[in-house]
Amino acid sequence: MDTNKNEKVRCLIIGSGPAGYTAAIYASRANLSPVLYEGIQPGGQLTTTTEVENFPGYPEGVTGTTLMDDLRKQAERFGADIRVGIATQTDLSVAPYKVTIDGEKVIETDALIIATGATAKYLGLADEQKYAGMGVSACATCDGFFYRKKVVAVVGGGDTACEEATYLASLASHVYLIVRKPYLRASKVMQDRVLNNPKITVLFEHNTVGLFGENGVEGAHLVKRLGEPDEEKVDIAIDGFFLAIGHKPNSDIFKPWVDTDDVGYIQTIPGTPKTKVPGVFAAGDVADPHYRQAITAAGSGCAAAIEMERYLSELGK
């Protein structure tokens, strides 16, 4: 097939995390012949983690890469057409909907599932990449279990950071909350939980400038502001470093057509994966500001595929 030519399909799935692959499994078994484009990070965020212990069905745990490989193979087994490519532009003004892949090829589709995920925000330190999977995490719920009775740090000052710090305090021996500002942005309830927890030390007006350790994170280099231009260098000994400064949903190319919240999460009709555009569904982290777990993403991918099958059936497609 000439990849530069336009192509017409019944249903298209954009994204290859748990939501996208699960949608592909269900759509394939419903004989919808789905085409799935993997996007910028085949397998999604889970491929950047090491051990996953909270996905049902793996009592001994599983690596994120293996889990995603298993889901991919399952989708392919039922006939999903999984392709390498990134969606770069969309036109959802009228059906069939048009999605441009890699800036060249246009796919026309009767129905679309958006499963492009959300990208965790990082500080931009080289050490975050260096220690990825070796002490650096952007998900306390995913990785906190590995830091039982250890010392960890959480970066951020909002509700998410306070929630992560409180959760980690139930597992770790001590938690540092590293806050850039002289105050917490979190709600009063979350602030009180953090400030009254003896296992959490809040480091106000501290910035992380680096991490150190031989075979993983053993500590963080911080700078404490003392008032311009003075600052003080501070090192803390930690075993884990958690980012809690937010996520960016990968929704930009869909924003002209679907509703999003202030952050960019796609808004669906409550209790469903339906967007305001008929036949366009959103699943996984791109539409989930609350849970952002592999299992909830997989469940929403299932729901999206079922709704898509009903939609196409009603159209007689």
C-alpha atoms as a PDB file:
ATOM      1  CA  MET A   1       0.000   0.000   0.000  1.00  0.00           C
ATOM      2  CA  ASP A   2       1.271   3.460  -0.844  1.00  0.00           C
ATOM      3  CA  THR A   3       1.474   5.108   2.570  1.00  0.00           C
ATOM      4  CA  ASN A   4       1.037   8.559   1.080  1.00  0.00           C
ATOM      5  CA  LYS A   5      -2.409   7.818  -0.306  1.00  0.00           C
ATOM      6  CA  ASN A   6      -5.599   8.453   1.620  1.00  0.00           C
ATOM      7  CA  GLU A   7      -7.313   5.470   3.161  1.00  0.00           C
ATOM      8  CA  LYS A   8     -10.860   4.796   4.393  1.00  0.00           C
ATOM      9  CA  VAL A   9     -11.453   2.620   7.469  1.00  0.00           C
ATOM     10  CA  ARG A  10     -14.461   1.744   9.633  1.00  0.00           C
ATOM     11  CA  CYS A  11     -12.814   2.557  12.937  1.00  0.00           C
ATOM     12  CA  LEU A  12      -9.564   4.169  13.971  1.00  0.00           C
ATOM     13  CA  ILE A  13      -7.816   4.101  17.364  1.00  0.00           C
ATOM     14  CA  ILE A  14      -5.124   6.647  18.165  1.00  0.00           C
ATOM     15  CA  GLY A  15      -2.787   5.607  20.983  1.00  0.00           C
ATOM     16  CA  SER A  16      -1.313   2.374  22.235  1.00  0.00           C
ATOM     17  CA  GLY A  17      -1.435   2.328  26.020  1.00  0.00           C
ATOM     18  CA  PRO A  18      -3.802   0.085  27.991  1.00  0.00           C
ATOM     19  CA  ALA A  19      -6.811   2.072  26.704  1.00  0.00           C
ATOM     20  CA  GLY A  20      -5.871   1.874  23.032  1.00  0.00           C
ATOM     21  CA  TYR A  21      -4.859  -1.780  23.044  1.00  0.00           C
ATOM     22  CA  THR A  22      -7.939  -2.841  25.045  1.00  0.00           C
ATOM     23  CA  ALA A  23     -10.175  -0.917  22.662  1.00  0.00           C
ATOM     24  CA  ALA A  24      -8.451  -2.732  19.797  1.00  0.00           C
ATOM     25  CA  ILE A  25      -9.070  -6.132  21.432  1.00  0.00           C
ATOM     26  CA  TYR A  26     -12.785  -5.451  21.851  1.00  0.00           C
ATOM     27  CA  ALA A  27     -13.213  -3.814  18.443  1.00  0.00           C
ATOM     28  CA  SER A  28     -11.406  -6.707  16.727  1.00  0.00           C
ATOM     29  CA  ARG A  29     -13.564  -9.310  18.437  1.00  0.00           C
ATOM     30  CA  ALA A  30     -16.621  -7.361  17.258  1.00  0.00           C
ATOM     31  CA  ASN A  31     -15.342  -7.714  13.674  1.00  0.00           C
ATOM     32  CA  LEU A  32     -14.843  -3.964  13.271  1.00  0.00           C
ATOM     33  CA  SER A  33     -11.374  -4.369  11.690  1.00  0.00           C
ATOM     34  CA  PRO A  34      -9.821  -1.562  13.745  1.00  0.00           C
ATOM     35  CA  VAL A  35      -6.708   0.298  12.633  1.00  0.00           C
ATOM     36  CA  LEU A  36      -4.550   1.491  15.534  1.00  0.00           C
ATOM     37  CA  TYR A  37      -1.695   3.963  15.294  1.00  0.00           C
ATOM     38  CA  GLU A  38       0.735   3.606  18.175  1.00  0.00           C
ATOM     39  CA  GLY A  39       1.701   7.247  18.518  1.00  0.00           C
ATOM     40  CA  ILE A  40       4.794   8.880  19.928  1.00  0.00           C
ATOM     41  CA  GLN A  41       5.335   6.312  22.712  1.00  0.00           C
ATOM     42  CA  PRO A  42       4.318   2.780  21.653  1.00  0.00           C
ATOM     43  CA  GLY A  43       2.902   1.070  24.723  1.00  0.00           C
ATOM     44  CA  GLY A  44       2.296   4.354  26.524  1.00  0.00           C
ATOM     45  CA  GLN A  45       3.587   5.544  29.893  1.00  0.00           C
ATOM     46  CA  LEU A  46       3.856   2.024  31.329  1.00  0.00           C
ATOM     47  CA  THR A  47       6.845   1.314  29.107  1.00  0.00           C
ATOM     48  CA  THR A  48       8.812   3.874  31.158  1.00  0.00           C
ATOM     49  CA  THR A  49       8.206   1.978  34.423  1.00  0.00           C
ATOM     50  CA  THR A  50       9.890  -1.163  35.634  1.00  0.00           C
ATOM     51  CA  GLU A  51       7.749  -3.500  37.760  1.00  0.00           C
ATOM     52  CA  VAL A  52       3.939  -3.267  37.676  1.00  0.00           C
ATOM     53  CA  GLU A  53       2.355  -5.011  40.666  1.00  0.00           C
ATOM     54  CA  ASN A  54      -1.167  -3.592  40.670  1.00  0.00           C
ATOM     55  CA  PHE A  55      -2.534  -4.847  37.331  1.00  0.00           C
ATOM     56  CA  PRO A  56      -4.914  -7.769  37.986  1.00  0.00           C
ATOM     57  CA  GLY A  57      -3.823 -11.170  36.751  1.00  0.00           C
ATOM     58  CA  TYR A  58      -0.093 -10.869  37.421  1.00  0.00           C
ATOM     59  CA  PRO A  59       0.379 -12.149  40.988  1.00  0.00           C
ATOM     60  CA  GLU A  60       4.166 -11.964  40.747  1.00  0.00           C
ATOM     61  CA  GLY A  61       4.153  -8.577  39.033  1.00  0.00           C
ATOM     62  CA  VAL A  62       5.144  -7.824  35.457  1.00  0.00           C
ATOM     63  CA  THR A  63       7.326  -5.252  33.748  1.00  0.00           C
ATOM     64  CA  GLY A  64       5.464  -2.431  32.047  1.00  0.00           C
ATOM     65  CA  THR A  65       7.010  -3.380  28.703  1.00  0.00           C
ATOM     66  CA  THR A  66       5.909  -7.016  28.997  1.00  0.00           C
ATOM     67  CA  LEU A  67       2.386  -6.035  29.993  1.00  0.00           C
ATOM     68  CA  MET A  68       2.056  -3.761  26.973  1.00  0.00           C
ATOM     69  CA  ASP A  69       3.562  -6.403  24.684  1.00  0.00           C
ATOM     70  CA  ASP A  70       0.972  -8.899  25.964  1.00  0.00           C
ATOM     71  CA  LEU A  71      -1.894  -6.480  25.289  1.00  0.00           C
ATOM     72  CA  ARG A  72      -0.526  -5.713  21.826  1.00  0.00           C
ATOM     73  CA  LYS A  73      -0.225  -9.407  20.900  1.00  0.00           C
ATOM     74  CA  GLN A  74      -3.747 -10.047  22.155  1.00  0.00           C
ATOM     75  CA  ALA A  75      -5.121  -7.283  19.942  1.00  0.00           C
ATOM     76  CA  GLU A  76      -3.162  -8.599  16.949  1.00  0.00           C
ATOM     77  CA  ARG A  77      -4.402 -12.124  17.594  1.00  0.00           C
ATOM     78  CA  PHE A  78      -7.952 -10.963  16.899  1.00  0.00           C
ATOM     79  CA  GLY A  79      -6.939  -9.066  13.784  1.00  0.00           C
ATOM     80  CA  ALA A  80      -6.221  -5.487  14.867  1.00  0.00           C
ATOM     81  CA  ASP A  81      -4.115  -3.631  12.291  1.00  0.00           C
ATOM     82  CA  ILE A  82      -1.462  -1.998  14.510  1.00  0.00           C
ATOM     83  CA  ARG A  83       0.774   0.526  12.793  1.00  0.00           C
ATOM     84  CA  VAL A  84       3.672   2.823  13.587  1.00  0.00           C
ATOM     85  CA  GLY A  85       2.725   6.458  13.176  1.00  0.00           C
ATOM     86  CA  ILE A  86       1.784   9.676  14.944  1.00  0.00           C
ATOM     87  CA  ALA A  87      -1.476  11.573  14.462  1.00  0.00           C
ATOM     88  CA  THR A  88      -0.514  15.136  13.591  1.00  0.00           C
ATOM     89  CA  GLN A  89      -3.782  16.767  12.523  1.00  0.00           C
ATOM     90  CA  THR A  90      -7.517  16.100  12.671  1.00  0.00           C
ATOM     91  CA  ASP A  91     -10.728  17.260  11.034  1.00  0.00           C
ATOM     92  CA  LEU A  92     -13.724  16.099  13.053  1.00  0.00           C
ATOM     93  CA  SER A  93     -16.135  18.638  11.569  1.00  0.00           C
ATOM     94  CA  VAL A  94     -18.071  16.079   9.568  1.00  0.00           C
ATOM     95  CA  ALA A  95     -18.100  12.290   9.163  1.00  0.00           C
ATOM     96  CA  PRO A  96     -16.182  10.479   7.871  1.00  0.00           C
ATOM     97  CA  TYR A  97     -13.606  12.040  10.174  1.00  0.00           C
ATOM     98  CA  LYS A  98     -10.114  12.746   8.899  1.00  0.00           C
ATOM     99  CA  VAL A  99      -6.895  12.077  10.821  1.00  0.00           C
ATOM    100  CA  THR A 100      -3.534  12.942   9.293  1.00  0.00           C
ATOM    101  CA  ILE A 101      -0.691  10.561  10.158  1.00  0.00           C
ATOM    102  CA  ASP A 102       2.925  11.796  10.245  1.00  0.00           C
ATOM    103  CA  GLY A 103       1.888  14.966   8.400  1.00  0.00           C
ATOM    104  CA  GLU A 104       1.262  13.039   5.172  1.00  0.00           C
ATOM    105  CA  LYS A 105      -1.287  10.269   5.018  1.00  0.00           C
ATOM    106  CA  VAL A 106      -4.964  11.032   5.682  1.00  0.00           C
ATOM    107  CA  ILE A 107      -7.119   8.304   7.220  1.00  0.00           C
ATOM    108  CA  GLU A 108     -10.884   8.710   6.861  1.00  0.00           C
ATOM    109  CA  THR A 109     -12.852   6.871   9.509  1.00  0.00           C
ATOM    110  CA  ASP A 110     -16.504   6.360  10.435  1.00  0.00           C
ATOM    111  CA  ALA A 111     -15.627   6.211  14.143  1.00  0.00           C
ATOM    112  CA  LEU A 112     -12.649   7.289  16.213  1.00  0.00           C
ATOM    113  CA  ILE A 113     -11.284   6.389  19.649  1.00  0.00           C
ATOM    114  CA  ILE A 114      -8.852   8.898  21.120  1.00  0.00           C
ATOM    115  CA  ALA A 115      -6.496   7.105  23.523  1.00  0.00           C
ATOM    116  CA  THR A 116      -3.463   9.372  23.330  1.00  0.00           C
ATOM    117  CA  GLY A 117      -2.793   9.461  27.074  1.00  0.00           C
ATOM    118  CA  ALA A 118      -1.218  12.165  29.193  1.00  0.00           C
ATOM    119  CA  THR A 119       2.438  12.987  29.691  1.00  0.00           C
ATOM    120  CA  ALA A 120       3.767  13.560  33.202  1.00  0.00           C
ATOM    121  CA  LYS A 121       5.486  16.899  33.637  1.00  0.00           C
ATOM    122  CA  TYR A 122       9.132  16.741  34.678  1.00  0.00           C
ATOM    123  CA  LEU A 123      11.495  19.386  35.964  1.00  0.00           C
ATOM    124  CA  GLY A 124      13.713  19.002  32.918  1.00  0.00           C
ATOM    125  CA  LEU A 125      16.790  17.748  34.769  1.00  0.00           C
ATOM    126  CA  ALA A 126      19.159  15.405  32.952  1.00  0.00           C
ATOM    127  CA  ASP A 127      19.211  13.278  36.119  1.00  0.00           C
ATOM    128  CA  GLU A 128      15.492  12.546  35.735  1.00  0.00           C
ATOM    129  CA  GLN A 129      16.301  10.623  32.560  1.00  0.00           C
ATOM    130  CA  LYS A 130      19.448   9.122  34.048  1.00  0.00           C
ATOM    131  CA  TYR A 131      17.530   7.595  36.960  1.00  0.00           C
ATOM    132  CA  ALA A 132      14.285   6.784  35.135  1.00  0.00           C
ATOM    133  CA  GLY A 133      13.064   3.489  36.594  1.00  0.00           C
ATOM    134  CA  MET A 134      15.882   3.669  39.153  1.00  0.00           C
ATOM    135  CA  GLY A 135      14.265   5.873  41.761  1.00  0.00           C
ATOM    136  CA  VAL A 136      12.488   8.516  39.681  1.00  0.00           C
ATOM    137  CA  SER A 137       8.718   8.156  39.306  1.00  0.00           C
ATOM    138  CA  ALA A 138       5.709  10.251  38.358  1.00  0.00           C
ATOM    139  CA  CYS A 139       3.149   7.957  40.001  1.00  0.00           C
ATOM    140  CA  ALA A 140       3.073   7.289  43.740  1.00  0.00           C
ATOM    141  CA  THR A 141       0.136   4.876  43.422  1.00  0.00           C
ATOM    142  CA  CYS A 142       2.097   2.856  40.851  1.00  0.00           C
ATOM    143  CA  ASP A 143       5.495   2.776  42.530  1.00  0.00           C
ATOM    144  CA  GLY A 144       5.047   3.723  46.191  1.00  0.00           C
ATOM    145  CA  PHE A 145       4.921   0.083  47.280  1.00  0.00           C
ATOM    146  CA  PHE A 146       8.596  -0.317  46.338  1.00  0.00           C
ATOM    147  CA  TYR A 147       9.586   2.329  48.899  1.00  0.00           C
ATOM    148  CA  ARG A 148       8.149   0.800  52.046  1.00  0.00           C
ATOM    149  CA  LYS A 149      10.147   1.941  55.084  1.00  0.00           C
ATOM    150  CA  LYS A 150      12.417   4.036  52.858  1.00  0.00           C
ATOM    151  CA  VAL A 151      12.880   7.803  52.528  1.00  0.00           C
ATOM    152  CA  VAL A 152      11.357   9.543  49.527  1.00  0.00           C
ATOM    153  CA  ALA A 153      10.823  13.064  48.210  1.00  0.00           C
ATOM    154  CA  VAL A 154       7.824  14.498  46.376  1.00  0.00           C
ATOM    155  CA  VAL A 155       8.104  17.623  44.228  1.00  0.00           C
ATOM    156  CA  GLY A 156       5.091  19.935  44.030  1.00  0.00           C
ATOM    157  CA  GLY A 157       2.817  22.113  46.087  1.00  0.00           C
ATOM    158  CA  GLY A 158      -0.679  21.428  44.772  1.00  0.00           C
ATOM    159  CA  ASP A 159      -3.388  18.930  45.693  1.00  0.00           C
ATOM    160  CA  THR A 160      -1.765  16.129  43.703  1.00  0.00           C
ATOM    161  CA  ALA A 161       1.581  16.600  45.452  1.00  0.00           C
ATOM    162  CA  CYS A 162      -0.072  16.651  48.866  1.00  0.00           C
ATOM    163  CA  GLU A 163      -2.114  13.543  48.032  1.00  0.00           C
ATOM    164  CA  GLU A 164       1.023  11.737  46.830  1.00  0.00           C
ATOM    165  CA  ALA A 165       2.994  12.784  49.909  1.00  0.00           C
ATOM    166  CA  THR A 166       0.208  11.631  52.234  1.00  0.00           C
ATOM    167  CA  TYR A 167      -0.105   8.309  50.399  1.00  0.00           C
ATOM    168  CA  LEU A 168       3.650   7.734  50.452  1.00  0.00           C
ATOM    169  CA  ALA A 169       3.790   8.593  54.159  1.00  0.00           C
ATOM    170  CA  SER A 170       1.630   5.520  54.793  1.00  0.00           C
ATOM    171  CA  LEU A 171       4.366   3.366  53.239  1.00  0.00           C
ATOM    172  CA  ALA A 172       7.704   5.156  53.544  1.00  0.00           C
ATOM    173  CA  SER A 173       9.627   5.894  56.725  1.00  0.00           C
ATOM    174  CA  HIS A 174       9.761   9.596  55.845  1.00  0.00           C
ATOM    175  CA  VAL A 175       8.652  11.931  53.054  1.00  0.00           C
ATOM    176  CA  TYR A 176      10.144  15.259  52.024  1.00  0.00           C
ATOM    177  CA  LEU A 177       7.762  17.546  50.149  1.00  0.00           C
ATOM    178  CA  ILE A 178       9.865  19.913  48.032  1.00  0.00           C
ATOM    179  CA  VAL A 179       7.939  23.135  47.353  1.00  0.00           C
ATOM    180  CA  ARG A 180       9.269  25.911  45.143  1.00  0.00           C
ATOM    181  CA  LYS A 181       7.061  28.594  46.665  1.00  0.00           C
ATOM    182  CA  PRO A 182       6.847  29.749  50.313  1.00  0.00           C
ATOM    183  CA  TYR A 183       3.356  28.248  50.566  1.00  0.00           C
ATOM    184  CA  LEU A 184       1.253  25.280  49.420  1.00  0.00           C
ATOM    185  CA  ARG A 185      -1.238  25.759  46.581  1.00  0.00           C
ATOM    186  CA  ALA A 186      -3.288  22.776  47.727  1.00  0.00           C
ATOM    187  CA  SER A 187      -6.759  22.971  49.260  1.00  0.00           C
ATOM    188  CA  LYS A 188      -6.924  23.695  52.986  1.00  0.00           C
ATOM    189  CA  VAL A 189      -7.899  20.111  53.804  1.00  0.00           C
ATOM    190  CA  MET A 190      -4.892  18.697  51.928  1.00  0.00           C
ATOM    191  CA  GLN A 191      -2.560  21.283  53.458  1.00  0.00           C
ATOM    192  CA  ASP A 192      -3.688  20.317  56.952  1.00  0.00           C
ATOM    193  CA  ARG A 193      -3.128  16.622  56.246  1.00  0.00           C
ATOM    194  CA  VAL A 194       0.426  17.273  55.115  1.00  0.00           C
ATOM    195  CA  LEU A 195       1.413  19.825  57.740  1.00  0.00           C
ATOM    196  CA  ASN A 196       0.030  17.681  60.578  1.00  0.00           C
ATOM    197  CA  ASN A 197       1.664  14.457  59.426  1.00  0.00           C
ATOM    198  CA  PRO A 198       4.811  13.775  61.503  1.00  0.00           C
ATOM    199  CA  LYS A 199       6.264  11.664  58.679  1.00  0.00           C
ATOM    200  CA  ILE A 200       6.209  14.559  56.185  1.00  0.00           C
ATOM    201  CA  THR A 201       8.736  17.399  56.175  1.00  0.00           C
ATOM    202  CA  VAL A 202       7.813  20.315  53.909  1.00  0.00           C
ATOM    203  CA  LEU A 203      10.807  22.108  52.412  1.00  0.00           C
ATOM    204  CA  PHE A 204       9.442  25.491  51.334  1.00  0.00           C
ATOM    205  CA  GLU A 205      11.348  27.647  48.832  1.00  0.00           C
ATOM    206  CA  HIS A 206      13.530  24.747  47.728  1.00  0.00           C
ATOM    207  CA  ASN A 207      14.343  23.852  44.135  1.00  0.00           C
ATOM    208  CA  THR A 208      15.757  20.530  42.994  1.00  0.00           C
ATOM    209  CA  VAL A 209      18.851  21.013  40.847  1.00  0.00           C
ATOM    210  CA  GLY A 210      20.056  17.413  40.581  1.00  0.00           C
ATOM    211  CA  LEU A 211      20.012  13.848  41.846  1.00  0.00           C
ATOM    212  CA  PHE A 212      22.855  11.567  42.835  1.00  0.00           C
ATOM    213  CA  GLY A 213      23.527   7.890  43.484  1.00  0.00           C
ATOM    214  CA  GLU A 214      25.584   4.964  42.218  1.00  0.00           C
ATOM    215  CA  ASN A 215      23.015   2.361  41.138  1.00  0.00           C
ATOM    216  CA  GLY A 216      19.897   4.458  41.605  1.00  0.00           C
ATOM    217  CA  VAL A 217      18.730   7.544  43.430  1.00  0.00           C
ATOM    218  CA  GLU A 218      20.481   8.004  46.771  1.00  0.00           C
ATOM    219  CA  GLY A 219      19.872  11.709  47.249  1.00  0.00           C
ATOM    220  CA  ALA A 220      18.887  15.056  45.793  1.00  0.00           C
ATOM    221  CA  HIS A 221      20.769  18.322  45.391  1.00  0.00           C
ATOM    222  CA  LEU A 222      18.527  21.219  46.428  1.00  0.00           C
ATOM    223  CA  VAL A 223      18.888  24.980  46.503  1.00  0.00           C
ATOM    224  CA  LYS A 224      17.128  26.936  49.233  1.00  0.00           C
ATOM    225  CA  ARG A 225      16.228  30.551  48.539  1.00  0.00           C
ATOM    226  CA  LEU A 226      17.289  32.897  51.330  1.00  0.00           C
ATOM    227  CA  GLY A 227      16.139  36.072  49.610  1.00  0.00           C
ATOM    228  CA  GLU A 228      17.671  37.520  46.461  1.00  0.00           C
ATOM    229  CA  PRO A 229      20.408  36.949  45.569  1.00  0.00           C
ATOM    230  CA  ASP A 230      21.346  34.613  48.413  1.00  0.00           C
ATOM    231  CA  GLU A 231      20.740  30.895  48.310  1.00  0.00           C
ATOM    232  CA  GLU A 232      21.977  27.862  50.156  1.00  0.00           C
ATOM    233  CA  LYS A 233      22.866  24.449  48.730  1.00  0.00           C
ATOM    234  CA  VAL A 234      21.235  21.548  50.560  1.00  0.00           C
ATOM    235  CA  ASP A 235      21.590  17.793  49.971  1.00  0.00           C
ATOM    236  CA  ILE A 236      19.022  15.303  51.253  1.00  0.00           C
ATOM    237  CA  ALA A 237      19.405  11.520  51.373  1.00  0.00           C
ATOM    238  CA  ILE A 238      16.464   9.777  49.667  1.00  0.00           C
ATOM    239  CA  ASP A 239      15.697   6.457  47.988  1.00  0.00           C
ATOM    240  CA  GLY A 240      12.948   7.679  45.667  1.00  0.00           C
ATOM    241  CA  PHE A 241      12.083  10.918  43.876  1.00  0.00           C
ATOM    242  CA  PHE A 242       8.447  11.489  42.879  1.00  0.00           C
ATOM    243  CA  LEU A 243       7.266  14.172  40.456  1.00  0.00           C
ATOM    244  CA  ALA A 244       3.818  15.582  41.269  1.00  0.00           C
ATOM    245  CA  ILE A 245       3.749  18.781  39.243  1.00  0.00           C
ATOM    246  CA  GLY A 246       0.960  17.711  36.929  1.00  0.00           C
ATOM    247  CA  HIS A 247       0.274  15.931  33.650  1.00  0.00           C
ATOM    248  CA  LYS A 248      -0.299  17.297  30.161  1.00  0.00           C
ATOM    249  CA  PRO A 249      -3.032  15.436  28.285  1.00  0.00           C
ATOM    250  CA  ASN A 250      -2.036  14.724  24.678  1.00  0.00           C
ATOM    251  CA  SER A 251      -5.166  16.363  23.301  1.00  0.00           C
ATOM    252  CA  ASP A 252      -3.948  19.411  21.367  1.00  0.00           C
ATOM    253  CA  ILE A 253      -4.879  18.203  17.873  1.00  0.00           C
ATOM    254  CA  PHE A 254      -8.425  17.363  19.011  1.00  0.00           C
ATOM    255  CA  LYS A 255      -9.164  20.617  20.858  1.00  0.00           C
ATOM    256  CA  PRO A 256     -10.852  22.402  17.932  1.00  0.00           C
ATOM    257  CA  TRP A 257     -13.550  19.704  17.885  1.00  0.00           C
ATOM    258  CA  VAL A 258     -14.069  18.276  21.389  1.00  0.00           C
ATOM    259  CA  ASP A 259     -14.513  19.911  24.783  1.00  0.00           C
ATOM    260  CA  THR A 260     -11.554  19.942  27.172  1.00  0.00           C
ATOM    261  CA  ASP A 261     -11.084  21.252  30.697  1.00  0.00           C
ATOM    262  CA  ASP A 262      -8.636  23.995  31.684  1.00  0.00           C
ATOM    263  CA  VAL A 263      -5.708  21.564  31.715  1.00  0.00           C
ATOM    264  CA  GLY A 264      -6.613  19.873  28.426  1.00  0.00           C
ATOM    265  CA  TYR A 265      -8.334  16.665  29.537  1.00  0.00           C
ATOM    266  CA  ILE A 266     -11.033  15.698  27.033  1.00  0.00           C
ATOM    267  CA  GLN A 267     -14.483  16.008  28.553  1.00  0.00           C
ATOM    268  CA  THR A 268     -16.886  13.165  27.861  1.00  0.00           C
ATOM    269  CA  ILE A 269     -20.595  12.767  28.527  1.00  0.00           C
ATOM    270  CA  PRO A 270     -20.605  11.744  32.227  1.00  0.00           C
ATOM    271  CA  GLY A 271     -20.474   8.002  32.732  1.00  0.00           C
ATOM    272  CA  THR A 272     -19.593   7.322  29.085  1.00  0.00           C
ATOM    273  CA  PRO A 273     -16.582   7.608  26.765  1.00  0.00           C
ATOM    274  CA  LYS A 274     -18.643   9.713  24.318  1.00  0.00           C
ATOM    275  CA  THR A 275     -17.397  13.155  23.316  1.00  0.00           C
ATOM    276  CA  LYS A 276     -19.749  15.810  21.962  1.00  0.00           C
ATOM    277  CA  VAL A 277     -18.876  14.635  18.429  1.00  0.00           C
ATOM    278  CA  PRO A 278     -21.007  11.608  17.410  1.00  0.00           C
ATOM    279  CA  GLY A 279     -18.829   8.564  16.820  1.00  0.00           C
ATOM    280  CA  VAL A 280     -15.773  10.072  18.519  1.00  0.00           C
ATOM    281  CA  PHE A 281     -14.840   8.545  21.866  1.00  0.00           C
ATOM    282  CA  ALA A 282     -12.090   9.263  24.409  1.00  0.00           C
ATOM    283  CA  ALA A 283     -10.510   6.639  26.636  1.00  0.00           C
ATOM    284  CA  GLY A 284      -7.678   6.401  29.128  1.00  0.00           C
ATOM    285  CA  ASP A 285      -5.571   9.159  30.636  1.00  0.00           C
ATOM    286  CA  VAL A 286      -6.386  11.743  27.955  1.00  0.00           C
ATOM    287  CA  ALA A 287      -9.871  11.906  29.495  1.00  0.00           C
ATOM    288  CA  ASP A 288      -9.037  10.978  33.107  1.00  0.00           C
ATOM    289  CA  PRO A 289      -7.661  13.677  35.433  1.00  0.00           C
ATOM    290  CA  HIS A 290      -8.448  11.614  38.537  1.00  0.00           C
ATOM    291  CA  TYR A 291      -7.127   8.041  38.483  1.00  0.00           C
ATOM    292  CA  ARG A 292      -4.593   7.630  35.662  1.00  0.00           C
ATOM    293  CA  GLN A 293      -4.109   3.903  36.280  1.00  0.00           C
ATOM    294  CA  ALA A 294      -3.524   1.154  33.731  1.00  0.00           C
ATOM    295  CA  ILE A 295      -6.582  -0.776  34.875  1.00  0.00           C
ATOM    296  CA  THR A 296      -8.943   2.212  34.684  1.00  0.00           C
ATOM    297  CA  ALA A 297      -7.528   3.060  31.259  1.00  0.00           C
ATOM    298  CA  ALA A 298      -8.121  -0.502  30.082  1.00  0.00           C
ATOM    299  CA  GLY A 299     -11.694  -0.393  31.386  1.00  0.00           C
ATOM    300  CA  SER A 300     -12.417   2.855  29.560  1.00  0.00           C
ATOM    301  CA  GLY A 301     -10.915   1.401  26.374  1.00  0.00           C
ATOM    302  CA  CYS A 302     -13.354  -1.487  26.660  1.00  0.00           C
ATOM    303  CA  ALA A 303     -16.258   0.931  27.143  1.00  0.00           C
ATOM    304  CA  ALA A 304     -15.167   3.048  24.166  1.00  0.00           C
ATOM    305  CA  ALA A 305     -15.021   0.018  21.878  1.00  0.00           C
ATOM    306  CA  ILE A 306     -18.460  -1.200  22.978  1.00  0.00           C
ATOM    307  CA  GLU A 307     -19.980   2.239  22.425  1.00  0.00           C
ATOM    308  CA  MET A 308     -18.244   2.469  19.050  1.00  0.00           C
ATOM    309  CA  GLU A 309     -19.670  -0.895  17.987  1.00  0.00           C
ATOM    310  CA  ARG A 310     -23.170   0.272  18.967  1.00  0.00           C
ATOM    311  CA  TYR A 311     -22.701   3.531  17.110  1.00  0.00           C
ATOM    312  CA  LEU A 312     -21.571   1.823  13.900  1.00  0.00           C
ATOM    313  CA  SER A 313     -24.340  -0.760  14.190  1.00  0.00           C
ATOM    314  CA  GLU A 314     -26.976   1.983  14.462  1.00  0.00           C
ATOM    315  CA  LEU A 315     -25.505   3.607  11.356  1.00  0.00           C
ATOM    316  CA  GLY A 316     -25.561   0.301   9.559  1.00  0.00           C
ATOM    317  CA  LYS A 317     -21.828   0.583   8.899  1.00  0.00           C
END
